[in-house]
Protein backbone atom coordinates (compact mmCIF):
# COMPACT_ATOMS: atom_id res chain seq x y z
CA UNK A 1 128.42 -110.25 -43.65
CA UNK A 2 129.15 -110.97 -39.98
CA UNK A 3 126.45 -110.77 -37.38
CA UNK A 4 127.08 -108.87 -34.19
CA UNK A 5 126.61 -111.32 -31.38
CA UNK A 6 125.98 -109.98 -27.92
CA UNK A 7 128.36 -111.30 -25.33
CA UNK A 8 126.51 -113.58 -22.97
CA UNK A 9 127.30 -113.67 -19.29
CA UNK A 10 128.85 -116.98 -18.37
CA UNK A 11 128.47 -116.47 -14.62
CA UNK A 12 125.30 -117.35 -12.76
CA UNK A 13 123.17 -114.39 -11.76
CA UNK A 14 123.97 -114.71 -8.04
CA UNK A 15 127.70 -114.40 -8.76
CA UNK A 16 127.06 -111.39 -10.98
CA UNK A 17 125.07 -109.75 -8.19
CA UNK A 18 127.90 -110.44 -5.73
CA UNK A 19 130.37 -108.86 -8.15
CA UNK A 20 128.18 -105.79 -8.52
CA UNK A 21 127.95 -105.44 -4.75
CA UNK A 22 131.73 -105.74 -4.45
CA UNK A 23 132.26 -103.05 -7.09
CA UNK A 24 129.81 -100.67 -5.43
CA UNK A 25 131.41 -101.33 -2.04
CA UNK A 26 134.85 -100.60 -3.50
CA UNK A 27 133.59 -97.31 -4.94
CA UNK A 28 132.05 -96.39 -1.59
CA UNK A 29 135.30 -97.17 0.23
CA UNK A 30 137.31 -95.10 -2.24
CA UNK A 31 134.96 -92.16 -1.72
CA UNK A 32 135.21 -92.49 2.06
CA UNK A 33 139.02 -92.73 1.90
CA UNK A 34 139.14 -89.57 -0.20
CA UNK A 35 136.90 -87.78 2.28
CA UNK A 36 139.05 -88.92 5.21
CA UNK A 37 142.20 -87.66 3.49
CA UNK A 38 140.53 -84.28 3.03
CA UNK A 39 139.58 -84.18 6.70
CA UNK A 40 143.11 -85.09 7.75
CA UNK A 41 144.53 -82.34 5.55
CA UNK A 42 142.15 -79.83 7.14
CA UNK A 43 143.12 -81.04 10.60
CA UNK A 44 146.82 -80.66 9.77
CA UNK A 45 146.28 -77.09 8.59
CA UNK A 46 144.27 -76.25 11.70
CA UNK A 47 147.00 -77.72 13.89
CA UNK A 48 149.65 -75.56 12.16
CA UNK A 49 147.52 -72.44 12.63
CA UNK A 50 146.93 -73.30 16.30
CA UNK A 51 150.66 -73.83 16.89
CA UNK A 52 151.41 -70.46 15.30
CA UNK A 53 148.79 -68.74 17.47
CA UNK A 54 150.17 -70.35 20.63
CA UNK A 55 153.71 -69.36 19.65
CA UNK A 56 152.67 -65.76 19.07
CA UNK A 57 150.74 -65.62 22.34
CA UNK A 58 153.57 -67.05 24.44
CA UNK A 59 156.54 -65.29 22.85
CA UNK A 60 157.58 -61.97 24.38
CA UNK A 61 157.33 -58.93 22.14
CA UNK A 62 160.64 -57.30 21.30
CA UNK A 63 161.38 -53.86 22.65
CA UNK A 64 162.02 -51.06 20.22
CA UNK A 65 165.67 -50.49 19.37
CA UNK A 66 166.86 -53.72 20.97
CA UNK A 67 168.58 -56.39 18.91
CA UNK A 68 166.60 -59.62 18.71
CA UNK A 69 169.54 -61.73 19.95
CA UNK A 70 169.89 -59.82 23.24
């Protein structure tokens, strides 16, 4: 019957700690990047809405019974 041996870390503890810090920093950066993409998407939508509002405010209303190309 085989014994289950636990895998021992071959790296010194200071290198393991550095690796853990790098992994947590990578996760933090991914989370921040995702948040920034969400903010950019919201900004793009707001810009489109603003452009539409400006267009509506500056365009002249059409008179009744007049063709739009005249």
